[in-house]
Amino acid sequence: MDEPPTTQTDGTVAEGLSNDSNNGQEVVDSDEEVFFDAIDETYTVVYEETETVDVETNAAEDGQVGAASNEEGNVNEDDGNEEMGDESSFTKISDLIVKCKEHLDDWQKRVSNGVFLENEKHPAVQQLYHVLNNNKPVAFNRAIAVSLWASGVVTNLVYIVKEEQKIADNELVSRALFFLGWLANFQGRSCVQTLVDKHLLVEAILDCLSVVDTTSLTVVEQGLFALTALTRKDSRVVLQKVVGNVDYTGGGIAVITKSMKQNPESMVVASYGCRLLSRLAKNTGYHKRLLGDGACSAIVRSQNRAHGCPPHEANLAAAVNGHAKMFSDLILEHRKHGSSTNDC
């Protein structure tokens, strides 16, 4: 599917996009090519587009998202110790994906017929979550992502997110959001395009987050994680969809800042929220809207929360402070070029 154009037919930059030397194309620097800022391990990954990039992953931050939504707090250690090249391990995971798909097909059929049991157990989903949320080499994760994508389970996962308010199963919704964000992170550009253009995932996530007063913390955390993963590549196109969502008061930006305001205790929310806001400031021209929708106050609150946080949240605090500085620098640069805004 073709990307939505970011420039007008006469070559000028479409309204709302920053007019830079790249003529409206996505601006990607070393900060935006990495998914996590603090570095534990660096891998070189070759994407389907034959584009070679360095992907830096942070085990602590990635694990923190999962840990925050894992009520049991347990991780399957056997799954976590699987090595790349262990064919039996990969076969085991592939079988689990098949079981997960079968379970969700049966579940979706019953929900569509009006039959739903609250707090229903989803063992295959839970097991697969533990597998994906463990630290593995990127190449191994990408191989799993190919299998997960090919299974067709994405249709089930998007259905769960879109029906979030109806099914009232926070654990299942948060798992679905995690899977979708994980796929966007490891499956590549075409996956993101399909999720955004065909499945309208950005709109579905914002729907979940827009009822933040009644949405569980785990759903908010995983929703922001999924949005962050979707904006890792083609971020300008996807972020334009976030900004352009006017179904909510103030648009998608207000949904993000409200999620941050309503969950001040979560460093996961603060980290992904600041990351999204800095990307919005960097890759779109909506600086006034960011300021008017409370981005500055949301970032300041997040920085206050990061100050003096416990050691196990140090990586999240570093991400908050790093993206807060990036946001501030971008806003100051915006003002330097003639803006008269004084919202912040």
Foldseek 3Di string as FASTA:
>chain_A
DDFDDQPDPVQAGDPFWDCDPVSRAFDDDPVLLELADDADDWDWDQAPVRDIDIYGDDLLLLLVLVCVLDPVSDADVVLLPDAPPPVVSLVVLLVLLLVLQVVLVVQVVCVVVVDADEPDDRVSLVNNLSNLSHDYPLVSLLVSLVSNVVSVCLVSLLVCLQCVVVRVHQSSVLSSLQNLLSSLQRPDDVSLCCCCPVSVSLVSLLVQLLVVVPHDPSSLLSSLSSLSSSLSPSVLSSVCVQCPAVPHVLGNLLSLLVNLVVCLQDLSSLLSSLVSLLSSLVGTNPLVSNLVSCVLVSLVSSQVNLVPDDPSCVSSNVSSVVSNVSSVVSSVVVVVVPDPDDSD
